[in-house]
Amino acid sequence: MIKSKKLVAVGLILIVMAMLTVSPTISWLSSKSDTVVNTFAGGAISIRLDEALVGTDGKAIKGDGAKRVTSNSYKYMAGATLDKDPTPTVLKGSEECYVFLCVENELTEMFTMNYATESWLKVAEKDGKAVYAYSTKINALESDEDIKLEPIFTTVTVSKDLTAEEISNLGERKLSVTAYAVQTDSVSSKDAIDSAIAEFIPGASATYQEID
């Protein structure tokens, strides 16, 4: 019963915050980015999610004026290594928060990503979606600069055994990443993990790991 009440509080946070003068005891803040597209800020937390712009060869465009974008398109072939570095950034002035990423993966086992497993802890997985928690709390409240976190991965490698027939059958597939943040004040890492799982894959079993 206690768990349900906490999830309801999170679900109603935008309304509660709008009525803060009426209900000042509700203190949860949240910030959620759309799927590698936009940034949404709730209260005093703001996050951004972007990745390097890639060329037609699937390699990141580097040098002066290199762009960060919210989406890329790739052409893949057997044995290719493609650059993809979804990177969340906590904007300066944001309260201390737990940061999460949800990866929705339509690719098959013929595609692999080099996950940064020391920085990003998998806390739940179900039906092609996985939720990861950043291993440390992030506090940008008194920071003079935005705090960029480590990308959850930087490459997608296509198996060299992928055949032309398999490529034809696979067609277009999507790999989407969405960012989510929850304030740390008065919120345990367990409750924050519950909130992220409820947001992205309700009903999934949680593998709890403490966030420092």
N, C-alpha and C. Protein backbone atom coordinates (compact mmCIF):
# COMPACT_ATOMS: atom_id res chain seq x y z
N MET A 1 0.83 -1.22 0.00
CA MET A 1 0.00 0.00 0.00
C MET A 1 0.85 1.26 0.00
N ILE A 2 1.95 1.25 0.77
CA ILE A 2 2.83 2.43 0.82
C ILE A 2 3.43 2.69 -0.54
N LYS A 3 3.86 1.62 -1.22
CA LYS A 3 4.47 1.75 -2.53
C LYS A 3 3.51 2.38 -3.52
N SER A 4 2.26 1.96 -3.51
CA SER A 4 1.26 2.51 -4.42
C SER A 4 1.07 3.99 -4.21
N LYS A 5 1.04 4.44 -2.97
CA LYS A 5 0.86 5.85 -2.68
C LYS A 5 2.01 6.67 -3.24
N LYS A 6 3.23 6.16 -3.16
CA LYS A 6 4.38 6.88 -3.68
C LYS A 6 4.32 7.00 -5.19
N LEU A 7 3.87 5.95 -5.86
CA LEU A 7 3.77 6.01 -7.31
C LEU A 7 2.69 6.98 -7.74
N VAL A 8 1.60 7.07 -7.00
CA VAL A 8 0.54 8.03 -7.30
C VAL A 8 1.08 9.45 -7.14
N ALA A 9 1.88 9.68 -6.09
CA ALA A 9 2.45 11.02 -5.88
C ALA A 9 3.31 11.44 -7.07
N VAL A 10 4.05 10.50 -7.61
CA VAL A 10 4.89 10.82 -8.77
C VAL A 10 4.03 11.10 -9.98
N GLY A 11 3.00 10.29 -10.18
CA GLY A 11 2.14 10.48 -11.34
C GLY A 11 1.42 11.80 -11.33
N LEU A 12 1.17 12.35 -10.17
CA LEU A 12 0.43 13.60 -10.06
C LEU A 12 1.32 14.81 -9.85
N ILE A 13 2.63 14.62 -10.00
CA ILE A 13 3.53 15.68 -9.58
C ILE A 13 3.32 17.00 -10.30
N LEU A 14 3.00 16.99 -11.59
CA LEU A 14 2.83 18.25 -12.30
C LEU A 14 1.64 19.03 -11.75
N ILE A 15 0.59 18.32 -11.38
CA ILE A 15 -0.58 18.97 -10.80
C ILE A 15 -0.25 19.48 -9.40
N VAL A 16 0.41 18.66 -8.61
CA VAL A 16 0.75 19.05 -7.24
C VAL A 16 1.65 20.27 -7.24
N MET A 17 2.61 20.31 -8.13
CA MET A 17 3.52 21.44 -8.17
C MET A 17 2.80 22.72 -8.57
N ALA A 18 1.81 22.59 -9.41
CA ALA A 18 1.04 23.76 -9.81
C ALA A 18 0.22 24.29 -8.65
N MET A 19 -0.07 23.42 -7.67
CA MET A 19 -0.88 23.79 -6.51
C MET A 19 -0.01 23.82 -5.26
N LEU A 20 1.23 24.21 -5.39
CA LEU A 20 2.17 24.12 -4.29
C LEU A 20 1.76 24.93 -3.06
N THR A 21 1.07 26.04 -3.29
CA THR A 21 0.65 26.85 -2.15
C THR A 21 -0.44 26.17 -1.35
N VAL A 22 -1.13 25.21 -1.98
CA VAL A 22 -2.19 24.48 -1.28
C VAL A 22 -1.63 23.24 -0.60
N SER A 23 -0.67 22.57 -1.26
CA SER A 23 -0.12 21.33 -0.72
C SER A 23 1.39 21.42 -0.60
N PRO A 24 1.93 22.22 0.30
CA PRO A 24 3.37 22.45 0.38
C PRO A 24 4.17 21.26 0.89
N THR A 25 3.49 20.21 1.38
CA THR A 25 4.24 19.09 1.92
C THR A 25 4.69 18.13 0.83
N ILE A 26 4.17 18.23 -0.38
CA ILE A 26 4.60 17.36 -1.47
C ILE A 26 5.87 17.95 -2.06
N SER A 27 6.99 17.18 -2.07
CA SER A 27 8.26 17.78 -2.43
C SER A 27 8.98 17.08 -3.59
N TRP A 28 8.38 16.04 -4.16
CA TRP A 28 9.07 15.34 -5.23
C TRP A 28 9.14 16.22 -6.47
N LEU A 29 10.30 16.23 -7.14
CA LEU A 29 10.47 16.92 -8.41
C LEU A 29 10.87 15.89 -9.45
N SER A 30 10.53 16.12 -10.70
CA SER A 30 10.95 15.19 -11.74
C SER A 30 11.23 15.93 -13.02
N SER A 31 12.05 15.31 -13.86
CA SER A 31 12.36 15.88 -15.17
C SER A 31 12.51 14.74 -16.15
N LYS A 32 11.84 14.83 -17.26
CA LYS A 32 11.85 13.73 -18.22
C LYS A 32 12.06 14.26 -19.62
N SER A 33 12.99 13.65 -20.38
CA SER A 33 13.16 14.02 -21.78
C SER A 33 12.29 13.10 -22.61
N ASP A 34 11.78 13.62 -23.72
CA ASP A 34 11.10 12.76 -24.67
C ASP A 34 12.17 11.88 -25.31
N THR A 35 11.78 10.90 -26.12
CA THR A 35 12.73 9.94 -26.65
C THR A 35 13.76 10.61 -27.55
N VAL A 36 14.93 10.88 -27.02
CA VAL A 36 16.02 11.54 -27.73
C VAL A 36 15.50 12.69 -28.57
N VAL A 37 14.59 13.45 -28.01
CA VAL A 37 14.01 14.55 -28.78
C VAL A 37 14.01 15.85 -27.99
N ASN A 38 13.32 15.92 -26.88
CA ASN A 38 13.16 17.18 -26.17
C ASN A 38 13.51 17.04 -24.69
N THR A 39 13.57 18.20 -24.04
CA THR A 39 13.83 18.23 -22.60
C THR A 39 12.62 18.80 -21.88
N PHE A 40 12.21 18.14 -20.81
CA PHE A 40 11.10 18.61 -20.00
C PHE A 40 11.63 18.85 -18.59
N ALA A 41 11.25 19.95 -18.00
CA ALA A 41 11.75 20.28 -16.67
C ALA A 41 10.60 20.39 -15.69
N GLY A 42 10.77 19.77 -14.53
CA GLY A 42 9.78 19.89 -13.47
C GLY A 42 10.48 20.45 -12.25
N GLY A 43 9.94 21.51 -11.67
CA GLY A 43 10.58 22.09 -10.51
C GLY A 43 11.96 22.61 -10.86
N ALA A 44 12.96 22.17 -10.12
CA ALA A 44 14.31 22.70 -10.29
C ALA A 44 15.25 21.67 -10.88
N ILE A 45 14.75 20.75 -11.69
CA ILE A 45 15.61 19.78 -12.36
C ILE A 45 15.39 19.89 -13.86
N SER A 46 16.47 20.01 -14.61
CA SER A 46 16.38 20.04 -16.07
C SER A 46 17.44 19.11 -16.65
N ILE A 47 17.05 18.30 -17.61
CA ILE A 47 17.99 17.39 -18.25
C ILE A 47 17.85 17.50 -19.76
N ARG A 48 18.94 17.14 -20.45
CA ARG A 48 18.95 17.12 -21.91
C ARG A 48 19.53 15.78 -22.35
N LEU A 49 19.08 15.29 -23.50
CA LEU A 49 19.61 14.05 -24.04
C LEU A 49 19.91 14.26 -25.51
N ASP A 50 21.16 14.00 -25.91
CA ASP A 50 21.51 14.15 -27.32
C ASP A 50 22.62 13.17 -27.68
N GLU A 51 23.00 13.19 -28.96
CA GLU A 51 24.06 12.31 -29.44
C GLU A 51 24.77 12.97 -30.60
N ALA A 52 25.95 12.47 -30.95
CA ALA A 52 26.73 13.04 -32.03
C ALA A 52 26.04 12.81 -33.37
N LEU A 53 26.10 13.82 -34.23
CA LEU A 53 25.60 13.68 -35.59
C LEU A 53 26.53 12.74 -36.36
N VAL A 54 25.95 11.78 -37.07
CA VAL A 54 26.76 10.85 -37.86
C VAL A 54 26.58 11.11 -39.35
N GLY A 55 27.59 10.71 -40.11
CA GLY A 55 27.52 10.83 -41.56
C GLY A 55 26.87 9.60 -42.17
N THR A 56 26.90 9.53 -43.49
CA THR A 56 26.27 8.40 -44.19
C THR A 56 26.98 7.08 -43.92
N ASP A 57 28.24 7.17 -43.43
CA ASP A 57 28.98 5.96 -43.09
C ASP A 57 28.74 5.49 -41.66
N GLY A 58 27.87 6.20 -40.93
CA GLY A 58 27.57 5.82 -39.56
C GLY A 58 28.62 6.26 -38.56
N LYS A 59 29.58 7.09 -38.98
CA LYS A 59 30.63 7.58 -38.11
C LYS A 59 30.32 9.00 -37.65
N ALA A 60 30.64 9.30 -36.39
CA ALA A 60 30.39 10.63 -35.85
C ALA A 60 31.19 11.68 -36.61
N ILE A 61 30.54 12.78 -36.92
CA ILE A 61 31.20 13.89 -37.59
C ILE A 61 31.92 14.71 -36.53
N LYS A 62 33.23 14.82 -36.66
CA LYS A 62 34.05 15.48 -35.64
C LYS A 62 34.65 16.77 -36.17
N GLY A 63 35.34 17.49 -35.29
CA GLY A 63 35.99 18.72 -35.68
C GLY A 63 35.19 19.94 -35.28
N ASP A 64 35.66 21.11 -35.70
CA ASP A 64 34.99 22.36 -35.37
C ASP A 64 33.55 22.36 -35.88
N GLY A 65 32.66 22.76 -35.01
CA GLY A 65 31.26 22.84 -35.41
C GLY A 65 30.53 21.52 -35.40
N ALA A 66 31.16 20.47 -34.82
CA ALA A 66 30.49 19.17 -34.74
C ALA A 66 29.19 19.32 -33.97
N LYS A 67 28.14 18.74 -34.49
CA LYS A 67 26.81 18.94 -33.92
C LYS A 67 26.39 17.79 -33.01
N ARG A 68 25.56 18.15 -32.02
CA ARG A 68 24.85 17.17 -31.21
C ARG A 68 23.39 17.21 -31.66
N VAL A 69 22.80 16.06 -31.85
CA VAL A 69 21.45 15.98 -32.41
C VAL A 69 20.57 15.08 -31.55
N THR A 70 19.31 15.02 -31.92
CA THR A 70 18.35 14.22 -31.17
C THR A 70 17.91 12.97 -31.92
N SER A 71 18.44 12.77 -33.13
CA SER A 71 18.14 11.54 -33.86
C SER A 71 19.14 11.37 -34.99
N ASN A 72 19.35 10.13 -35.39
CA ASN A 72 20.22 9.79 -36.51
C ASN A 72 19.60 8.64 -37.28
N SER A 73 19.96 8.52 -38.55
CA SER A 73 19.56 7.37 -39.36
C SER A 73 20.82 6.66 -39.83
N TYR A 74 20.78 5.34 -39.84
CA TYR A 74 21.96 4.54 -40.18
C TYR A 74 21.62 3.54 -41.28
N LYS A 75 22.60 3.28 -42.14
CA LYS A 75 22.56 2.15 -43.04
C LYS A 75 23.58 1.15 -42.51
N TYR A 76 23.15 -0.09 -42.30
CA TYR A 76 24.04 -1.06 -41.69
C TYR A 76 24.37 -2.19 -42.66
N MET A 77 25.51 -2.79 -42.43
CA MET A 77 25.95 -3.96 -43.18
C MET A 77 26.74 -4.85 -42.26
N ALA A 78 26.94 -6.09 -42.66
CA ALA A 78 27.65 -7.05 -41.82
C ALA A 78 29.04 -6.54 -41.46
N GLY A 79 29.36 -6.65 -40.16
CA GLY A 79 30.69 -6.29 -39.68
C GLY A 79 30.89 -4.81 -39.41
N ALA A 80 29.89 -3.98 -39.65
CA ALA A 80 30.04 -2.53 -39.46
C ALA A 80 30.02 -2.16 -37.98
N THR A 81 30.76 -1.12 -37.64
CA THR A 81 30.69 -0.52 -36.31
C THR A 81 30.20 0.90 -36.46
N LEU A 82 29.05 1.19 -35.89
CA LEU A 82 28.39 2.48 -36.05
C LEU A 82 28.52 3.30 -34.77
N ASP A 83 28.74 4.59 -34.91
CA ASP A 83 28.85 5.47 -33.74
C ASP A 83 27.46 5.89 -33.26
N LYS A 84 27.21 5.71 -31.97
CA LYS A 84 25.96 6.17 -31.36
C LYS A 84 26.24 6.36 -29.88
N ASP A 85 26.13 7.60 -29.40
CA ASP A 85 26.51 7.89 -28.01
C ASP A 85 25.44 8.69 -27.27
N PRO A 86 24.28 8.11 -26.98
CA PRO A 86 23.24 8.83 -26.23
C PRO A 86 23.81 9.34 -24.90
N THR A 87 23.79 10.67 -24.73
CA THR A 87 24.45 11.28 -23.58
C THR A 87 23.50 12.22 -22.84
N PRO A 88 23.15 11.90 -21.59
CA PRO A 88 22.32 12.82 -20.80
C PRO A 88 23.17 13.91 -20.16
N THR A 89 22.61 15.09 -20.04
CA THR A 89 23.28 16.21 -19.39
C THR A 89 22.33 16.83 -18.37
N VAL A 90 22.79 16.99 -17.15
CA VAL A 90 22.01 17.68 -16.12
C VAL A 90 22.40 19.15 -16.19
N LEU A 91 21.42 20.01 -16.43
CA LEU A 91 21.72 21.41 -16.64
C LEU A 91 22.05 22.13 -15.34
N LYS A 92 22.94 23.10 -15.43
CA LYS A 92 23.38 23.83 -14.24
C LYS A 92 22.20 24.44 -13.51
N GLY A 93 22.29 24.45 -12.18
CA GLY A 93 21.20 24.97 -11.36
C GLY A 93 20.20 23.92 -10.95
N SER A 94 20.33 22.70 -11.48
CA SER A 94 19.40 21.63 -11.12
C SER A 94 19.71 21.07 -9.74
N GLU A 95 18.66 20.71 -9.03
CA GLU A 95 18.82 20.06 -7.73
C GLU A 95 19.50 18.71 -7.91
N GLU A 96 20.08 18.20 -6.85
CA GLU A 96 20.69 16.87 -6.89
C GLU A 96 19.63 15.85 -7.31
N CYS A 97 20.03 14.95 -8.19
CA CYS A 97 19.04 14.01 -8.71
C CYS A 97 19.65 12.66 -9.07
N TYR A 98 18.75 11.67 -9.15
CA TYR A 98 19.09 10.37 -9.71
C TYR A 98 18.74 10.45 -11.20
N VAL A 99 19.60 9.89 -12.05
CA VAL A 99 19.36 9.95 -13.49
C VAL A 99 19.18 8.54 -14.04
N PHE A 100 18.19 8.38 -14.90
CA PHE A 100 17.89 7.08 -15.49
C PHE A 100 17.80 7.20 -17.01
N LEU A 101 18.07 6.09 -17.68
CA LEU A 101 17.83 6.00 -19.12
C LEU A 101 17.03 4.74 -19.40
N CYS A 102 16.07 4.86 -20.30
CA CYS A 102 15.34 3.69 -20.79
C CYS A 102 15.78 3.44 -22.22
N VAL A 103 16.27 2.23 -22.49
CA VAL A 103 16.68 1.85 -23.83
C VAL A 103 15.63 0.90 -24.40
N GLU A 104 15.03 1.30 -25.51
CA GLU A 104 14.06 0.45 -26.20
C GLU A 104 14.72 -0.07 -27.46
N ASN A 105 14.97 -1.36 -27.49
CA ASN A 105 15.84 -1.95 -28.51
C ASN A 105 15.06 -2.92 -29.41
N GLU A 106 14.88 -2.53 -30.66
CA GLU A 106 14.23 -3.40 -31.64
C GLU A 106 15.23 -4.22 -32.44
N LEU A 107 16.52 -4.04 -32.16
CA LEU A 107 17.55 -4.78 -32.87
C LEU A 107 17.58 -6.23 -32.39
N THR A 108 18.21 -7.09 -33.16
CA THR A 108 18.33 -8.49 -32.78
C THR A 108 19.67 -8.75 -32.12
N GLU A 109 19.91 -10.01 -31.78
CA GLU A 109 21.19 -10.38 -31.16
C GLU A 109 22.36 -10.22 -32.12
N MET A 110 22.09 -9.92 -33.38
CA MET A 110 23.15 -9.68 -34.36
C MET A 110 23.75 -8.28 -34.21
N PHE A 111 23.18 -7.48 -33.33
CA PHE A 111 23.67 -6.13 -33.05
C PHE A 111 24.07 -6.05 -31.58
N THR A 112 25.22 -5.48 -31.29
CA THR A 112 25.65 -5.35 -29.90
C THR A 112 26.11 -3.92 -29.61
N MET A 113 25.86 -3.48 -28.37
CA MET A 113 26.29 -2.15 -27.93
C MET A 113 27.33 -2.32 -26.82
N ASN A 114 28.29 -1.41 -26.77
CA ASN A 114 29.33 -1.46 -25.74
C ASN A 114 28.88 -0.68 -24.50
N TYR A 115 27.95 -1.25 -23.77
CA TYR A 115 27.38 -0.58 -22.61
C TYR A 115 28.44 -0.22 -21.57
N ALA A 116 28.31 0.98 -21.00
CA ALA A 116 29.20 1.43 -19.92
C ALA A 116 28.63 0.89 -18.61
N THR A 117 28.93 -0.35 -18.31
CA THR A 117 28.28 -1.06 -17.21
C THR A 117 28.71 -0.57 -15.83
N GLU A 118 29.86 0.09 -15.73
CA GLU A 118 30.28 0.62 -14.43
C GLU A 118 29.52 1.90 -14.08
N SER A 119 29.17 2.67 -15.10
CA SER A 119 28.45 3.92 -14.86
C SER A 119 26.94 3.75 -14.90
N TRP A 120 26.47 2.80 -15.70
CA TRP A 120 25.02 2.61 -15.86
C TRP A 120 24.63 1.22 -15.38
N LEU A 121 23.78 1.16 -14.37
CA LEU A 121 23.37 -0.09 -13.74
C LEU A 121 21.98 -0.48 -14.24
N LYS A 122 21.87 -1.67 -14.80
CA LYS A 122 20.56 -2.13 -15.27
C LYS A 122 19.68 -2.47 -14.07
N VAL A 123 18.51 -1.82 -13.95
CA VAL A 123 17.64 -2.05 -12.79
C VAL A 123 16.36 -2.77 -13.16
N ALA A 124 16.05 -2.89 -14.45
CA ALA A 124 14.86 -3.63 -14.87
C ALA A 124 14.91 -3.86 -16.37
N GLU A 125 14.25 -4.94 -16.80
CA GLU A 125 14.22 -5.25 -18.24
C GLU A 125 12.98 -6.08 -18.54
N LYS A 126 12.29 -5.73 -19.65
CA LYS A 126 11.10 -6.47 -20.04
C LYS A 126 10.67 -6.05 -21.44
N ASP A 127 10.32 -7.03 -22.26
CA ASP A 127 9.72 -6.78 -23.58
C ASP A 127 10.53 -5.81 -24.44
N GLY A 128 11.83 -6.01 -24.49
CA GLY A 128 12.66 -5.18 -25.35
C GLY A 128 13.04 -3.83 -24.77
N LYS A 129 12.62 -3.55 -23.54
CA LYS A 129 12.98 -2.30 -22.87
C LYS A 129 13.85 -2.61 -21.65
N ALA A 130 14.79 -1.74 -21.39
CA ALA A 130 15.63 -1.88 -20.19
C ALA A 130 15.83 -0.50 -19.57
N VAL A 131 15.75 -0.45 -18.24
CA VAL A 131 15.95 0.80 -17.50
C VAL A 131 17.30 0.72 -16.80
N TYR A 132 18.09 1.80 -16.96
CA TYR A 132 19.42 1.88 -16.36
C TYR A 132 19.47 3.09 -15.43
N ALA A 133 20.16 2.92 -14.31
CA ALA A 133 20.36 4.02 -13.36
C ALA A 133 21.82 4.44 -13.39
N TYR A 134 22.05 5.76 -13.40
CA TYR A 134 23.43 6.24 -13.30
C TYR A 134 23.95 5.91 -11.91
N SER A 135 25.21 5.51 -11.82
CA SER A 135 25.73 4.93 -10.58
C SER A 135 25.96 5.94 -9.46
N THR A 136 25.90 7.23 -9.77
CA THR A 136 26.07 8.24 -8.73
C THR A 136 24.99 9.31 -8.86
N LYS A 137 24.72 9.98 -7.75
CA LYS A 137 23.81 11.13 -7.78
C LYS A 137 24.51 12.29 -8.48
N ILE A 138 23.72 13.16 -9.09
CA ILE A 138 24.28 14.31 -9.80
C ILE A 138 23.72 15.59 -9.20
N ASN A 139 24.61 16.50 -8.81
CA ASN A 139 24.18 17.76 -8.21
C ASN A 139 24.76 18.93 -9.01
N ALA A 140 23.88 19.64 -9.70
CA ALA A 140 24.31 20.79 -10.51
C ALA A 140 23.78 22.10 -9.93
N LEU A 141 23.31 22.05 -8.68
CA LEU A 141 22.65 23.22 -8.09
C LEU A 141 23.58 24.43 -8.03
N GLU A 142 24.81 24.21 -7.65
CA GLU A 142 25.75 25.33 -7.54
C GLU A 142 26.83 25.27 -8.62
N SER A 143 26.59 24.48 -9.63
CA SER A 143 27.57 24.34 -10.71
C SER A 143 27.49 25.52 -11.68
N ASP A 144 28.64 25.93 -12.18
CA ASP A 144 28.69 27.00 -13.18
C ASP A 144 28.48 26.46 -14.59
N GLU A 145 28.52 25.14 -14.72
CA GLU A 145 28.38 24.53 -16.03
C GLU A 145 27.41 23.35 -15.96
N ASP A 146 26.86 23.00 -17.12
CA ASP A 146 26.05 21.79 -17.21
C ASP A 146 26.94 20.59 -16.93
N ILE A 147 26.36 19.53 -16.36
CA ILE A 147 27.13 18.33 -16.04
C ILE A 147 26.76 17.23 -17.03
N LYS A 148 27.70 16.91 -17.90
CA LYS A 148 27.48 15.87 -18.91
C LYS A 148 27.89 14.52 -18.33
N LEU A 149 26.99 13.55 -18.42
CA LEU A 149 27.26 12.21 -17.90
C LEU A 149 27.91 11.35 -18.98
N GLU A 150 28.42 10.21 -18.57
CA GLU A 150 29.01 9.29 -19.55
C GLU A 150 27.91 8.71 -20.43
N PRO A 151 28.15 8.59 -21.73
CA PRO A 151 27.15 7.97 -22.60
C PRO A 151 26.88 6.54 -22.15
N ILE A 152 25.67 6.08 -22.35
CA ILE A 152 25.36 4.70 -21.94
C ILE A 152 26.07 3.70 -22.84
N PHE A 153 26.30 4.05 -24.08
CA PHE A 153 27.16 3.29 -24.99
C PHE A 153 27.63 4.25 -26.07
N THR A 154 28.63 3.83 -26.83
CA THR A 154 29.18 4.71 -27.87
C THR A 154 29.17 4.09 -29.26
N THR A 155 28.97 2.79 -29.33
CA THR A 155 28.95 2.13 -30.64
C THR A 155 27.89 1.04 -30.71
N VAL A 156 27.46 0.78 -31.93
CA VAL A 156 26.61 -0.37 -32.24
C VAL A 156 27.37 -1.19 -33.27
N THR A 157 27.66 -2.44 -32.94
CA THR A 157 28.44 -3.30 -33.84
C THR A 157 27.52 -4.35 -34.46
N VAL A 158 27.60 -4.47 -35.77
CA VAL A 158 26.79 -5.43 -36.51
C VAL A 158 27.61 -6.71 -36.70
N SER A 159 27.02 -7.84 -36.43
CA SER A 159 27.72 -9.11 -36.57
C SER A 159 28.23 -9.30 -38.00
N LYS A 160 29.44 -9.82 -38.11
CA LYS A 160 29.99 -10.11 -39.44
C LYS A 160 29.29 -11.29 -40.10
N ASP A 161 28.51 -12.02 -39.31
CA ASP A 161 27.80 -13.19 -39.83
C ASP A 161 26.41 -12.85 -40.37
N LEU A 162 26.02 -11.58 -40.29
CA LEU A 162 24.71 -11.18 -40.78
C LEU A 162 24.67 -11.34 -42.30
N THR A 163 23.68 -12.05 -42.79
CA THR A 163 23.60 -12.33 -44.23
C THR A 163 22.72 -11.29 -44.94
N ALA A 164 22.84 -11.24 -46.26
CA ALA A 164 22.03 -10.32 -47.05
C ALA A 164 20.55 -10.63 -46.88
N GLU A 165 20.21 -11.89 -46.77
CA GLU A 165 18.81 -12.27 -46.58
C GLU A 165 18.29 -11.79 -45.23
N GLU A 166 19.12 -11.91 -44.20
CA GLU A 166 18.72 -11.45 -42.87
C GLU A 166 18.55 -9.94 -42.85
N ILE A 167 19.44 -9.24 -43.54
CA ILE A 167 19.32 -7.78 -43.62
C ILE A 167 18.01 -7.40 -44.29
N SER A 168 17.65 -8.11 -45.35
CA SER A 168 16.39 -7.83 -46.05
C SER A 168 15.19 -8.10 -45.16
N ASN A 169 15.26 -9.19 -44.40
CA ASN A 169 14.14 -9.54 -43.50
C ASN A 169 14.04 -8.59 -42.32
N LEU A 170 15.16 -8.09 -41.83
CA LEU A 170 15.15 -7.17 -40.69
C LEU A 170 14.53 -5.83 -41.06
N GLY A 171 14.86 -5.33 -42.24
CA GLY A 171 14.33 -4.04 -42.65
C GLY A 171 14.78 -2.93 -41.72
N GLU A 172 13.88 -2.00 -41.45
CA GLU A 172 14.21 -0.86 -40.57
C GLU A 172 13.93 -1.22 -39.12
N ARG A 173 14.89 -0.97 -38.26
CA ARG A 173 14.74 -1.21 -36.83
C ARG A 173 15.09 0.06 -36.07
N LYS A 174 14.53 0.20 -34.86
CA LYS A 174 14.77 1.40 -34.06
C LYS A 174 15.48 1.06 -32.76
N LEU A 175 16.34 1.96 -32.36
CA LEU A 175 17.01 1.90 -31.06
C LEU A 175 16.80 3.27 -30.41
N SER A 176 15.92 3.32 -29.41
CA SER A 176 15.51 4.59 -28.81
C SER A 176 15.97 4.67 -27.37
N VAL A 177 16.31 5.88 -26.95
CA VAL A 177 16.75 6.12 -25.58
C VAL A 177 15.98 7.32 -25.02
N THR A 178 15.50 7.19 -23.79
CA THR A 178 14.78 8.27 -23.12
C THR A 178 15.39 8.50 -21.74
N ALA A 179 15.54 9.76 -21.37
CA ALA A 179 16.12 10.10 -20.07
C ALA A 179 15.04 10.50 -19.07
N TYR A 180 15.34 10.28 -17.79
CA TYR A 180 14.39 10.55 -16.71
C TYR A 180 15.20 10.87 -15.46
N ALA A 181 14.78 11.84 -14.68
CA ALA A 181 15.51 12.20 -13.45
C ALA A 181 14.53 12.43 -12.31
N VAL A 182 14.96 12.09 -11.11
CA VAL A 182 14.16 12.26 -9.90
C VAL A 182 15.03 12.90 -8.83
N GLN A 183 14.52 13.89 -8.13
CA GLN A 183 15.29 14.53 -7.07
C GLN A 183 15.70 13.52 -6.00
N THR A 184 16.82 13.79 -5.35
CA THR A 184 17.28 12.90 -4.28
C THR A 184 16.74 13.30 -2.92
N ASP A 185 16.41 14.55 -2.73
CA ASP A 185 15.96 15.04 -1.43
C ASP A 185 14.70 14.31 -0.98
N SER A 186 14.79 13.62 0.15
CA SER A 186 13.68 12.89 0.75
C SER A 186 13.23 11.69 -0.09
N VAL A 187 14.02 11.30 -1.08
CA VAL A 187 13.67 10.17 -1.94
C VAL A 187 14.82 9.17 -1.92
N SER A 188 14.55 7.94 -1.53
CA SER A 188 15.59 6.92 -1.52
C SER A 188 15.86 6.45 -2.94
N SER A 189 17.02 5.83 -3.14
CA SER A 189 17.33 5.32 -4.48
C SER A 189 16.35 4.23 -4.88
N LYS A 190 15.87 3.45 -3.92
CA LYS A 190 14.87 2.41 -4.22
C LYS A 190 13.59 3.03 -4.75
N ASP A 191 13.12 4.10 -4.10
CA ASP A 191 11.90 4.76 -4.55
C ASP A 191 12.11 5.41 -5.92
N ALA A 192 13.29 5.95 -6.14
CA ALA A 192 13.58 6.56 -7.43
C ALA A 192 13.58 5.51 -8.54
N ILE A 193 14.16 4.35 -8.24
CA ILE A 193 14.16 3.25 -9.21
C ILE A 193 12.74 2.80 -9.49
N ASP A 194 11.92 2.67 -8.44
CA ASP A 194 10.51 2.30 -8.63
C ASP A 194 9.81 3.30 -9.54
N SER A 195 10.10 4.57 -9.35
CA SER A 195 9.48 5.61 -10.16
C SER A 195 9.86 5.47 -11.63
N ALA A 196 11.15 5.23 -11.90
CA ALA A 196 11.61 5.09 -13.28
C ALA A 196 11.02 3.87 -13.96
N ILE A 197 10.95 2.76 -13.22
CA ILE A 197 10.38 1.54 -13.78
C ILE A 197 8.90 1.74 -14.08
N ALA A 198 8.18 2.36 -13.16
CA ALA A 198 6.76 2.62 -13.37
C ALA A 198 6.53 3.52 -14.58
N GLU A 199 7.44 4.43 -14.83
CA GLU A 199 7.33 5.35 -15.97
C GLU A 199 7.50 4.63 -17.30
N PHE A 200 8.44 3.70 -17.36
CA PHE A 200 8.80 3.10 -18.64
C PHE A 200 8.29 1.68 -18.86
N ILE A 201 8.38 0.83 -17.86
CA ILE A 201 7.95 -0.56 -18.02
C ILE A 201 7.19 -1.03 -16.78
N PRO A 202 5.97 -0.51 -16.59
CA PRO A 202 5.18 -0.89 -15.42
C PRO A 202 5.04 -2.41 -15.31
N GLY A 203 5.17 -2.90 -14.11
CA GLY A 203 5.02 -4.33 -13.88
C GLY A 203 6.31 -5.11 -13.98
N ALA A 204 7.37 -4.48 -14.44
CA ALA A 204 8.66 -5.18 -14.54
C ALA A 204 9.25 -5.38 -13.16
N SER A 205 9.98 -6.46 -12.99
CA SER A 205 10.65 -6.74 -11.73
C SER A 205 11.91 -5.90 -11.62
N ALA A 206 12.14 -5.35 -10.45
CA ALA A 206 13.30 -4.49 -10.25
C ALA A 206 14.48 -5.28 -9.68
N THR A 207 15.65 -4.97 -10.18
CA THR A 207 16.89 -5.46 -9.59
C THR A 207 17.51 -4.28 -8.89
N TYR A 208 17.31 -4.18 -7.59
CA TYR A 208 17.72 -2.96 -6.89
C TYR A 208 19.22 -2.94 -6.65
N GLN A 209 19.79 -1.80 -6.95
CA GLN A 209 21.19 -1.53 -6.65
C GLN A 209 21.25 -0.12 -6.07
N GLU A 210 21.99 0.03 -5.00
CA GLU A 210 22.07 1.32 -4.36
C GLU A 210 22.80 2.33 -5.25
N ILE A 211 22.30 3.54 -5.27
CA ILE A 211 22.93 4.61 -6.02
C ILE A 211 23.67 5.50 -5.02
N ASP A 212 24.96 5.66 -5.22
CA ASP A 212 25.76 6.42 -4.26
C ASP A 212 25.35 7.88 -4.21
